[in-house]
Amino acid sequence: MEDVHEKRPSYSIPLQFVGVKGVKMPVAFVKFGGKPHYTLPVFDAYINLPPTMKGIHASRHYEVIAETISHFAMKAGKLEDICESMAVKLLEKHNYASQSYVKAKGEIVFESRVGDSDLISFEPCVLIGKAWASRKEPDGRIESRKAIGASVKGMTACPCALEYVREKVKVLVNEASSIKLPLATHVQRVTGTIIIEVPKGFEFDAMRLVKIIQESMSSPTYGLLKRSDEGEIICRAVFNPKFAEDVIRSMVKSVIEEFRDYPDPTFFECYVKSEESIHKHDLVAKQRGTIGKFRHVNYSRS
């Protein structure tokens, strides 16, 4: 019986990405912060399709995801390594494809100390794994590359509104221009995301990305806070006001400094979403490029 997938399509147009999206697999262990963590990863897996084929063998995508997860079962693997293994196996299963792409997301919860107190809070973090594989001519060898990312929430305090309130208070209390009171402003819940390529021969823990994101915001946020801790976080944020644009610039600068030993072609991307408190819309800032592109930028204040 002729395989319908092997038939010629009505229009001989090649397709860049065809695959499955949102495949959930059983709980797996991933390495994060030097410890194994549980996660329920969700996978997207794609290949390219030549103009001579009507469709992909979609079941092979699911088989590759399931087989790879089984291989890593009960082992503390890294999400980017799992994705890379899947990307390579996709091309091994689909001999008609020359490109593959796999993306995975999984939420984990890690312990975090609340500021300078003795409180321990459990904080959520979304881990992101990505991998690409390509079949090279003329020998058909498969080359791959991978990336790891992290996404965490924090907060920002608006510097613009803060200055307005500061000037208003000066008039009301007739203070000098050097007033340093922790005045009011509106604050935002902000999500920061960094994804960076892991070059061949390099390994690192995604916790480094979490620290960069948290340190780039006005203040981290926590699930557990006592009254005094709440006050400290508010003061910290108001004394460190930032726009979303400030946050992403700080993230880019820190990525370049933290991974200064990475080769110039290493790509990365930063993303900030600010859920505005006094507006009915959100604000987004993005930046992407290579380590080499930003390595020699002058970050000093003008």
C-alpha atoms as a PDB file:
ATOM      1  CA  MET A   1       0.000   0.000   0.000  1.00  0.00           C
ATOM      2  CA  GLU A   2       1.429   3.353  -1.070  1.00  0.00           C
ATOM      3  CA  ASP A   3       2.298   5.724   1.762  1.00  0.00           C
ATOM      4  CA  VAL A   4       0.299   8.913   1.299  1.00  0.00           C
ATOM      5  CA  HIS A   5       3.089  10.933   2.952  1.00  0.00           C
ATOM      6  CA  GLU A   6       5.469   9.928   0.146  1.00  0.00           C
ATOM      7  CA  LYS A   7       3.215  11.243  -2.612  1.00  0.00           C
ATOM      8  CA  ARG A   8       3.960  14.484  -4.376  1.00  0.00           C
ATOM      9  CA  PRO A   9       1.990  17.452  -3.021  1.00  0.00           C
ATOM     10  CA  SER A  10      -0.345  19.488  -5.195  1.00  0.00           C
ATOM     11  CA  TYR A  11       2.165  22.334  -5.055  1.00  0.00           C
ATOM     12  CA  SER A  12       5.875  21.544  -4.906  1.00  0.00           C
ATOM     13  CA  ILE A  13       6.760  24.080  -2.221  1.00  0.00           C
ATOM     14  CA  PRO A  14       9.340  23.201   0.472  1.00  0.00           C
ATOM     15  CA  LEU A  15       8.323  23.841   4.082  1.00  0.00           C
ATOM     16  CA  GLN A  16      10.732  25.234   6.662  1.00  0.00           C
ATOM     17  CA  PHE A  17       9.056  23.855   9.811  1.00  0.00           C
ATOM     18  CA  VAL A  18       6.579  21.010  10.202  1.00  0.00           C
ATOM     19  CA  GLY A  19       6.104  19.069  13.411  1.00  0.00           C
ATOM     20  CA  VAL A  20       4.353  18.639  16.731  1.00  0.00           C
ATOM     21  CA  LYS A  21       3.752  21.229  19.424  1.00  0.00           C
ATOM     22  CA  GLY A  22       2.849  20.925  23.086  1.00  0.00           C
ATOM     23  CA  VAL A  23       3.886  17.312  23.719  1.00  0.00           C
ATOM     24  CA  LYS A  24       3.900  16.642  27.468  1.00  0.00           C
ATOM     25  CA  MET A  25       6.069  13.894  28.859  1.00  0.00           C
ATOM     26  CA  PRO A  26       6.290  12.218  32.303  1.00  0.00           C
ATOM     27  CA  VAL A  27       8.162  13.995  35.069  1.00  0.00           C
ATOM     28  CA  ALA A  28      11.902  14.135  34.422  1.00  0.00           C
ATOM     29  CA  PHE A  29      14.903  15.213  36.453  1.00  0.00           C
ATOM     30  CA  VAL A  30      16.841  18.267  35.312  1.00  0.00           C
ATOM     31  CA  LYS A  31      19.986  19.793  36.779  1.00  0.00           C
ATOM     32  CA  PHE A  32      19.567  23.268  38.218  1.00  0.00           C
ATOM     33  CA  GLY A  33      21.477  25.043  40.957  1.00  0.00           C
ATOM     34  CA  GLY A  34      23.639  21.983  41.496  1.00  0.00           C
ATOM     35  CA  LYS A  35      20.620  19.831  42.418  1.00  0.00           C
ATOM     36  CA  PRO A  36      18.169  17.604  40.526  1.00  0.00           C
ATOM     37  CA  HIS A  37      14.699  19.115  40.154  1.00  0.00           C
ATOM     38  CA  TYR A  38      11.397  17.679  39.019  1.00  0.00           C
ATOM     39  CA  THR A  39       9.736  19.146  35.958  1.00  0.00           C
ATOM     40  CA  LEU A  40       7.004  18.279  33.481  1.00  0.00           C
ATOM     41  CA  PRO A  41       8.566  19.392  30.218  1.00  0.00           C
ATOM     42  CA  VAL A  42       6.503  20.410  27.196  1.00  0.00           C
ATOM     43  CA  PHE A  43       8.185  19.821  23.830  1.00  0.00           C
ATOM     44  CA  ASP A  44       7.878  21.272  20.345  1.00  0.00           C
ATOM     45  CA  ALA A  45       9.710  19.336  17.615  1.00  0.00           C
ATOM     46  CA  TYR A  46      10.045  20.302  13.955  1.00  0.00           C
ATOM     47  CA  ILE A  47      11.791  19.291  10.742  1.00  0.00           C
ATOM     48  CA  ASN A  48      11.890  20.789   7.278  1.00  0.00           C
ATOM     49  CA  LEU A  49       9.949  19.092   4.470  1.00  0.00           C
ATOM     50  CA  PRO A  50      11.247  18.830   0.874  1.00  0.00           C
ATOM     51  CA  PRO A  51       8.963  19.838  -2.013  1.00  0.00           C
ATOM     52  CA  THR A  52       8.655  16.215  -3.149  1.00  0.00           C
ATOM     53  CA  MET A  53       6.769  15.000  -0.064  1.00  0.00           C
ATOM     54  CA  LYS A  54       3.123  15.560   0.821  1.00  0.00           C
ATOM     55  CA  GLY A  55       3.582  15.323   4.588  1.00  0.00           C
ATOM     56  CA  ILE A  56       5.812  14.233   7.461  1.00  0.00           C
ATOM     57  CA  HIS A  57       5.621  10.987   9.410  1.00  0.00           C
ATOM     58  CA  ALA A  58       4.371  12.769  12.536  1.00  0.00           C
ATOM     59  CA  SER A  59       4.356   9.674  14.751  1.00  0.00           C
ATOM     60  CA  ARG A  60       8.154   9.572  14.492  1.00  0.00           C
ATOM     61  CA  HIS A  61       8.326  12.929  16.248  1.00  0.00           C
ATOM     62  CA  TYR A  62       6.415  11.571  19.227  1.00  0.00           C
ATOM     63  CA  GLU A  63       8.534   8.406  19.218  1.00  0.00           C
ATOM     64  CA  VAL A  64      11.746  10.443  19.309  1.00  0.00           C
ATOM     65  CA  ILE A  65      10.506  12.521  22.258  1.00  0.00           C
ATOM     66  CA  ALA A  66       9.326   9.458  24.190  1.00  0.00           C
ATOM     67  CA  GLU A  67      12.498   7.437  23.495  1.00  0.00           C
ATOM     68  CA  THR A  68      14.751  10.302  24.549  1.00  0.00           C
ATOM     69  CA  ILE A  69      12.828  10.916  27.764  1.00  0.00           C
ATOM     70  CA  SER A  70      13.061   7.187  28.529  1.00  0.00           C
ATOM     71  CA  HIS A  71      16.825   7.337  28.024  1.00  0.00           C
ATOM     72  CA  PHE A  72      17.133  10.206  30.514  1.00  0.00           C
ATOM     73  CA  ALA A  73      14.605   8.697  32.951  1.00  0.00           C
ATOM     74  CA  MET A  74      15.776   8.749  36.589  1.00  0.00           C
ATOM     75  CA  LYS A  75      18.905  10.631  35.538  1.00  0.00           C
ATOM     76  CA  ALA A  76      19.613  14.273  36.326  1.00  0.00           C
ATOM     77  CA  GLY A  77      20.141  15.501  32.776  1.00  0.00           C
ATOM     78  CA  LYS A  78      20.157  19.022  31.400  1.00  0.00           C
ATOM     79  CA  LEU A  79      17.192  20.242  29.398  1.00  0.00           C
ATOM     80  CA  GLU A  80      19.391  21.531  26.580  1.00  0.00           C
ATOM     81  CA  ASP A  81      21.114  18.141  26.282  1.00  0.00           C
ATOM     82  CA  ILE A  82      17.741  16.392  26.059  1.00  0.00           C
ATOM     83  CA  CYS A  83      16.675  18.772  23.281  1.00  0.00           C
ATOM     84  CA  GLU A  84      19.939  18.283  21.405  1.00  0.00           C
ATOM     85  CA  SER A  85      19.555  14.501  21.536  1.00  0.00           C
ATOM     86  CA  MET A  86      16.025  14.828  20.149  1.00  0.00           C
ATOM     87  CA  ALA A  87      17.105  17.147  17.335  1.00  0.00           C
ATOM     88  CA  VAL A  88      19.742  14.659  16.161  1.00  0.00           C
ATOM     89  CA  LYS A  89      17.378  11.681  16.402  1.00  0.00           C
ATOM     90  CA  LEU A  90      14.741  13.507  14.369  1.00  0.00           C
ATOM     91  CA  LEU A  91      17.115  13.630  11.393  1.00  0.00           C
ATOM     92  CA  GLU A  92      18.064  10.007  11.930  1.00  0.00           C
ATOM     93  CA  LYS A  93      14.379   9.019  11.812  1.00  0.00           C
ATOM     94  CA  HIS A  94      13.479  11.342   8.931  1.00  0.00           C
ATOM     95  CA  ASN A  95      16.110  10.672   6.256  1.00  0.00           C
ATOM     96  CA  TYR A  96      14.339  13.062   3.865  1.00  0.00           C
ATOM     97  CA  ALA A  97      14.848  16.075   6.188  1.00  0.00           C
ATOM     98  CA  SER A  98      17.968  18.227   6.468  1.00  0.00           C
ATOM     99  CA  GLN A  99      17.039  20.519   9.381  1.00  0.00           C
ATOM    100  CA  SER A 100      15.442  19.989  12.801  1.00  0.00           C
ATOM    101  CA  TYR A 101      14.523  22.184  15.730  1.00  0.00           C
ATOM    102  CA  VAL A 102      13.403  21.243  19.249  1.00  0.00           C
ATOM    103  CA  LYS A 103      12.191  23.516  22.028  1.00  0.00           C
ATOM    104  CA  ALA A 104      11.246  22.526  25.577  1.00  0.00           C
ATOM    105  CA  LYS A 105       9.831  24.378  28.564  1.00  0.00           C
ATOM    106  CA  GLY A 106       9.518  23.085  32.089  1.00  0.00           C
ATOM    107  CA  GLU A 107       8.733  24.817  35.366  1.00  0.00           C
ATOM    108  CA  ILE A 108      10.815  24.034  38.424  1.00  0.00           C
ATOM    109  CA  VAL A 109      10.732  25.334  41.985  1.00  0.00           C
ATOM    110  CA  PHE A 110      13.935  26.173  43.848  1.00  0.00           C
ATOM    111  CA  GLU A 111      14.802  27.347  47.347  1.00  0.00           C
ATOM    112  CA  SER A 112      15.723  31.001  47.785  1.00  0.00           C
ATOM    113  CA  ARG A 113      16.746  32.977  50.860  1.00  0.00           C
ATOM    114  CA  VAL A 114      14.632  36.104  51.359  1.00  0.00           C
ATOM    115  CA  GLY A 115      16.998  39.082  51.334  1.00  0.00           C
ATOM    116  CA  ASP A 116      19.151  39.209  54.463  1.00  0.00           C
ATOM    117  CA  SER A 117      16.641  37.317  56.620  1.00  0.00           C
ATOM    118  CA  ASP A 118      16.612  33.637  57.597  1.00  0.00           C
ATOM    119  CA  LEU A 119      13.409  32.949  55.677  1.00  0.00           C
ATOM    120  CA  ILE A 120      13.461  30.360  52.912  1.00  0.00           C
ATOM    121  CA  SER A 121      10.984  30.804  50.073  1.00  0.00           C
ATOM    122  CA  PHE A 122      10.247  28.423  47.200  1.00  0.00           C
ATOM    123  CA  GLU A 123      10.426  30.259  43.895  1.00  0.00           C
ATOM    124  CA  PRO A 124       9.171  29.169  40.457  1.00  0.00           C
ATOM    125  CA  CYS A 125      11.400  29.354  37.399  1.00  0.00           C
ATOM    126  CA  VAL A 126      10.741  28.330  33.813  1.00  0.00           C
ATOM    127  CA  LEU A 127      13.638  26.484  32.190  1.00  0.00           C
ATOM    128  CA  ILE A 128      13.913  26.669  28.408  1.00  0.00           C
ATOM    129  CA  GLY A 129      15.906  24.300  26.244  1.00  0.00           C
ATOM    130  CA  LYS A 130      16.520  24.683  22.519  1.00  0.00           C
ATOM    131  CA  ALA A 131      18.466  22.682  19.962  1.00  0.00           C
ATOM    132  CA  TRP A 132      19.060  22.657  16.221  1.00  0.00           C
ATOM    133  CA  ALA A 133      20.495  19.935  13.986  1.00  0.00           C
ATOM    134  CA  SER A 134      21.428  19.966  10.303  1.00  0.00           C
ATOM    135  CA  ARG A 135      22.506  17.315   7.819  1.00  0.00           C
ATOM    136  CA  LYS A 136      25.682  18.295   5.998  1.00  0.00           C
ATOM    137  CA  GLU A 137      26.579  17.430   2.433  1.00  0.00           C
ATOM    138  CA  PRO A 138      28.097  15.449   0.870  1.00  0.00           C
ATOM    139  CA  ASP A 139      28.689  12.892   3.634  1.00  0.00           C
ATOM    140  CA  GLY A 140      25.353  13.336   5.432  1.00  0.00           C
ATOM    141  CA  ARG A 141      26.914  13.902   8.853  1.00  0.00           C
ATOM    142  CA  ILE A 142      24.696  15.587  11.427  1.00  0.00           C
ATOM    143  CA  GLU A 143      25.835  18.683  13.292  1.00  0.00           C
ATOM    144  CA  SER A 144      23.982  20.144  16.269  1.00  0.00           C
ATOM    145  CA  ARG A 145      23.969  23.108  18.619  1.00  0.00           C
ATOM    146  CA  LYS A 146      22.022  23.874  21.781  1.00  0.00           C
ATOM    147  CA  ALA A 147      20.894  26.719  24.043  1.00  0.00           C
ATOM    148  CA  ILE A 148      19.555  27.046  27.562  1.00  0.00           C
ATOM    149  CA  GLY A 149      17.348  29.716  29.052  1.00  0.00           C
ATOM    150  CA  ALA A 150      15.585  30.771  32.226  1.00  0.00           C
ATOM    151  CA  SER A 151      12.568  32.950  32.927  1.00  0.00           C
ATOM    152  CA  VAL A 152      11.788  34.417  36.364  1.00  0.00           C
ATOM    153  CA  LYS A 153       9.610  37.157  37.836  1.00  0.00           C
ATOM    154  CA  GLY A 154      10.671  40.216  39.796  1.00  0.00           C
ATOM    155  CA  MET A 155       9.577  43.832  40.152  1.00  0.00           C
ATOM    156  CA  THR A 156      10.425  47.319  38.986  1.00  0.00           C
ATOM    157  CA  ALA A 157       9.639  50.730  40.448  1.00  0.00           C
ATOM    158  CA  CYS A 158       8.887  53.474  37.936  1.00  0.00           C
ATOM    159  CA  PRO A 159      11.552  56.228  38.020  1.00  0.00           C
ATOM    160  CA  CYS A 160       9.385  58.735  36.125  1.00  0.00           C
ATOM    161  CA  ALA A 161       6.488  58.730  38.605  1.00  0.00           C
ATOM    162  CA  LEU A 162       8.990  58.664  41.473  1.00  0.00           C
ATOM    163  CA  GLU A 163      10.533  61.963  40.358  1.00  0.00           C
ATOM    164  CA  TYR A 164       7.125  63.579  40.032  1.00  0.00           C
ATOM    165  CA  VAL A 165       6.125  62.509  43.553  1.00  0.00           C
ATOM    166  CA  ARG A 166       9.518  63.626  44.894  1.00  0.00           C
ATOM    167  CA  GLU A 167       9.042  67.127  43.458  1.00  0.00           C
ATOM    168  CA  LYS A 168       5.486  67.243  44.783  1.00  0.00           C
ATOM    169  CA  VAL A 169       6.666  66.415  48.300  1.00  0.00           C
ATOM    170  CA  LYS A 170       9.424  69.035  48.105  1.00  0.00           C
ATOM    171  CA  VAL A 171       6.821  71.712  47.508  1.00  0.00           C
ATOM    172  CA  LEU A 172       4.522  70.426  50.240  1.00  0.00           C
ATOM    173  CA  VAL A 173       7.170  70.107  52.947  1.00  0.00           C
ATOM    174  CA  ASN A 174       9.520  72.820  51.619  1.00  0.00           C
ATOM    175  CA  GLU A 175      12.512  70.463  51.701  1.00  0.00           C
ATOM    176  CA  ALA A 176      15.857  70.930  49.975  1.00  0.00           C
ATOM    177  CA  SER A 177      16.599  69.309  46.622  1.00  0.00           C
ATOM    178  CA  SER A 178      18.585  66.550  48.329  1.00  0.00           C
ATOM    179  CA  ILE A 179      15.536  64.852  49.832  1.00  0.00           C
ATOM    180  CA  LYS A 180      16.120  61.065  50.046  1.00  0.00           C
ATOM    181  CA  LEU A 181      12.816  59.794  51.401  1.00  0.00           C
ATOM    182  CA  PRO A 182      11.590  56.442  49.977  1.00  0.00           C
ATOM    183  CA  LEU A 183       8.730  58.149  48.180  1.00  0.00           C
ATOM    184  CA  ALA A 184       5.804  56.538  46.410  1.00  0.00           C
ATOM    185  CA  THR A 185       5.733  55.340  42.813  1.00  0.00           C
ATOM    186  CA  HIS A 186       3.913  52.626  40.917  1.00  0.00           C
ATOM    187  CA  VAL A 187       5.503  49.192  40.696  1.00  0.00           C
ATOM    188  CA  GLN A 188       5.278  46.451  38.114  1.00  0.00           C
ATOM    189  CA  ARG A 189       5.523  42.691  38.127  1.00  0.00           C
ATOM    190  CA  VAL A 190       8.213  41.967  35.562  1.00  0.00           C
ATOM    191  CA  THR A 191       9.197  38.729  33.836  1.00  0.00           C
ATOM    192  CA  GLY A 192      12.769  38.507  32.593  1.00  0.00           C
ATOM    193  CA  THR A 193      14.031  35.844  30.206  1.00  0.00           C
ATOM    194  CA  ILE A 194      17.536  35.042  28.957  1.00  0.00           C
ATOM    195  CA  ILE A 195      18.391  32.337  26.421  1.00  0.00           C
ATOM    196  CA  ILE A 196      22.019  31.722  25.505  1.00  0.00           C
ATOM    197  CA  GLU A 197      23.791  29.266  23.240  1.00  0.00           C
ATOM    198  CA  VAL A 198      26.058  26.724  24.933  1.00  0.00           C
ATOM    199  CA  PRO A 199      29.177  26.411  22.722  1.00  0.00           C
ATOM    200  CA  LYS A 200      30.836  23.060  22.205  1.00  0.00           C
ATOM    201  CA  GLY A 201      33.074  22.238  25.158  1.00  0.00           C
ATOM    202  CA  PHE A 202      31.274  24.607  27.547  1.00  0.00           C
ATOM    203  CA  GLU A 203      28.833  23.763  30.334  1.00  0.00           C
ATOM    204  CA  PHE A 204      27.088  25.969  32.875  1.00  0.00           C
ATOM    205  CA  ASP A 205      24.222  25.977  35.327  1.00  0.00           C
ATOM    206  CA  ALA A 206      21.099  27.927  34.367  1.00  0.00           C
ATOM    207  CA  MET A 207      21.006  29.358  37.907  1.00  0.00           C
ATOM    208  CA  ARG A 208      23.564  31.870  36.636  1.00  0.00           C
ATOM    209  CA  LEU A 209      20.889  33.243  34.307  1.00  0.00           C
ATOM    210  CA  VAL A 210      18.383  33.509  37.167  1.00  0.00           C
ATOM    211  CA  LYS A 211      20.840  35.595  39.203  1.00  0.00           C
ATOM    212  CA  ILE A 212      21.498  37.926  36.269  1.00  0.00           C
ATOM    213  CA  ILE A 213      17.768  38.496  35.766  1.00  0.00           C
ATOM    214  CA  GLN A 214      17.049  39.090  39.454  1.00  0.00           C
ATOM    215  CA  GLU A 215      19.975  41.492  39.885  1.00  0.00           C
ATOM    216  CA  SER A 216      18.868  43.463  36.823  1.00  0.00           C
ATOM    217  CA  MET A 217      15.479  44.358  38.308  1.00  0.00           C
ATOM    218  CA  SER A 218      14.591  46.900  40.962  1.00  0.00           C
ATOM    219  CA  SER A 219      14.172  43.974  43.344  1.00  0.00           C
ATOM    220  CA  PRO A 220      13.523  40.243  43.320  1.00  0.00           C
ATOM    221  CA  THR A 221      10.126  39.057  44.586  1.00  0.00           C
ATOM    222  CA  TYR A 222       9.369  36.114  46.879  1.00  0.00           C
ATOM    223  CA  GLY A 223       6.524  33.774  47.685  1.00  0.00           C
ATOM    224  CA  LEU A 224       7.015  34.108  51.455  1.00  0.00           C
ATOM    225  CA  LEU A 225       7.426  37.515  53.070  1.00  0.00           C
ATOM    226  CA  LYS A 226       6.950  38.771  56.624  1.00  0.00           C
ATOM    227  CA  ARG A 227       5.924  42.386  57.205  1.00  0.00           C
ATOM    228  CA  SER A 228       9.483  43.614  57.731  1.00  0.00           C
ATOM    229  CA  ASP A 229      10.648  41.784  54.597  1.00  0.00           C
ATOM    230  CA  GLU A 230       7.860  43.419  52.591  1.00  0.00           C
ATOM    231  CA  GLY A 231       9.037  46.831  53.776  1.00  0.00           C
ATOM    232  CA  GLU A 232      12.648  46.082  52.890  1.00  0.00           C
ATOM    233  CA  ILE A 233      11.717  44.979  49.371  1.00  0.00           C
ATOM    234  CA  ILE A 234       9.590  48.069  48.799  1.00  0.00           C
ATOM    235  CA  CYS A 235      12.429  50.339  49.954  1.00  0.00           C
ATOM    236  CA  ARG A 236      14.960  48.428  47.857  1.00  0.00           C
ATOM    237  CA  ALA A 237      12.811  48.786  44.755  1.00  0.00           C
ATOM    238  CA  VAL A 238      12.017  52.482  45.254  1.00  0.00           C
ATOM    239  CA  PHE A 239      15.686  53.326  45.855  1.00  0.00           C
ATOM    240  CA  ASN A 240      16.539  51.356  42.686  1.00  0.00           C
ATOM    241  CA  PRO A 241      13.891  52.559  40.188  1.00  0.00           C
ATOM    242  CA  LYS A 242      14.075  51.139  36.667  1.00  0.00           C
ATOM    243  CA  PHE A 243      12.222  51.147  33.384  1.00  0.00           C
ATOM    244  CA  ALA A 244      11.858  47.855  31.508  1.00  0.00           C
ATOM    245  CA  GLU A 245      14.461  49.330  29.147  1.00  0.00           C
ATOM    246  CA  ASP A 246      16.906  49.687  32.055  1.00  0.00           C
ATOM    247  CA  VAL A 247      16.309  46.076  33.062  1.00  0.00           C
ATOM    248  CA  ILE A 248      17.091  44.653  29.651  1.00  0.00           C
ATOM    249  CA  ARG A 249      20.202  46.808  29.225  1.00  0.00           C
ATOM    250  CA  SER A 250      21.466  45.528  32.559  1.00  0.00           C
ATOM    251  CA  MET A 251      20.723  41.949  31.485  1.00  0.00           C
ATOM    252  CA  VAL A 252      22.668  42.346  28.237  1.00  0.00           C
ATOM    253  CA  LYS A 253      25.630  43.937  30.015  1.00  0.00           C
ATOM    254  CA  SER A 254      25.704  41.171  32.632  1.00  0.00           C
ATOM    255  CA  VAL A 255      25.493  38.411  30.015  1.00  0.00           C
ATOM    256  CA  ILE A 256      28.539  39.826  28.239  1.00  0.00           C
ATOM    257  CA  GLU A 257      30.481  40.070  31.501  1.00  0.00           C
ATOM    258  CA  GLU A 258      29.383  36.686  32.887  1.00  0.00           C
ATOM    259  CA  PHE A 259      30.192  34.788  29.684  1.00  0.00           C
ATOM    260  CA  ARG A 260      33.234  36.769  28.598  1.00  0.00           C
ATOM    261  CA  ASP A 261      35.144  33.555  27.810  1.00  0.00           C
ATOM    262  CA  TYR A 262      32.543  32.425  25.264  1.00  0.00           C
ATOM    263  CA  PRO A 263      33.460  32.735  21.553  1.00  0.00           C
ATOM    264  CA  ASP A 264      32.220  35.734  19.567  1.00  0.00           C
ATOM    265  CA  PRO A 265      29.599  33.825  17.468  1.00  0.00           C
ATOM    266  CA  THR A 266      27.713  32.709  20.614  1.00  0.00           C
ATOM    267  CA  PHE A 267      24.166  34.041  20.304  1.00  0.00           C
ATOM    268  CA  PHE A 268      21.870  35.132  23.105  1.00  0.00           C
ATOM    269  CA  GLU A 269      18.526  36.830  23.524  1.00  0.00           C
ATOM    270  CA  CYS A 270      16.983  38.827  26.353  1.00  0.00           C
ATOM    271  CA  TYR A 271      13.314  39.564  26.864  1.00  0.00           C
ATOM    272  CA  VAL A 272      11.440  41.633  29.453  1.00  0.00           C
ATOM    273  CA  LYS A 273       7.682  41.866  29.919  1.00  0.00           C
ATOM    274  CA  SER A 274       6.376  44.471  32.346  1.00  0.00           C
ATOM    275  CA  GLU A 275       2.802  43.975  33.570  1.00  0.00           C
ATOM    276  CA  GLU A 276       1.897  47.609  34.079  1.00  0.00           C
ATOM    277  CA  SER A 277       0.030  48.479  37.264  1.00  0.00           C
ATOM    278  CA  ILE A 278      -1.593  51.815  36.368  1.00  0.00           C
ATOM    279  CA  HIS A 279      -2.096  51.117  32.657  1.00  0.00           C
ATOM    280  CA  LYS A 280      -4.304  48.600  30.895  1.00  0.00           C
ATOM    281  CA  HIS A 281      -1.474  47.501  28.623  1.00  0.00           C
ATOM    282  CA  ASP A 282       1.893  45.828  29.153  1.00  0.00           C
ATOM    283  CA  LEU A 283       5.357  46.931  28.071  1.00  0.00           C
ATOM    284  CA  VAL A 284       7.910  44.715  26.343  1.00  0.00           C
ATOM    285  CA  ALA A 285      11.638  45.118  25.623  1.00  0.00           C
ATOM    286  CA  LYS A 286      13.839  42.741  23.630  1.00  0.00           C
ATOM    287  CA  GLN A 287      17.451  42.468  22.540  1.00  0.00           C
ATOM    288  CA  ARG A 288      19.314  39.694  20.777  1.00  0.00           C
ATOM    289  CA  GLY A 289      22.679  39.253  19.128  1.00  0.00           C
ATOM    290  CA  THR A 290      26.036  37.579  19.610  1.00  0.00           C
ATOM    291  CA  ILE A 291      28.627  37.893  22.347  1.00  0.00           C
ATOM    292  CA  GLY A 292      31.014  39.366  19.777  1.00  0.00           C
ATOM    293  CA  LYS A 293      28.508  42.027  18.696  1.00  0.00           C
ATOM    294  CA  PHE A 294      28.260  43.475  22.208  1.00  0.00           C
ATOM    295  CA  ARG A 295      31.684  42.592  23.596  1.00  0.00           C
ATOM    296  CA  HIS A 296      33.309  45.922  22.705  1.00  0.00           C
ATOM    297  CA  VAL A 297      30.337  48.206  23.394  1.00  0.00           C
ATOM    298  CA  ASN A 298      31.094  51.064  25.789  1.00  0.00           C
ATOM    299  CA  TYR A 299      28.687  50.600  28.718  1.00  0.00           C
ATOM    300  CA  SER A 300      29.826  53.640  30.674  1.00  0.00           C
ATOM    301  CA  ARG A 301      27.254  56.307  31.484  1.00  0.00           C
ATOM    302  CA  SER A 302      27.216  59.277  29.139  1.00  0.00           C
END
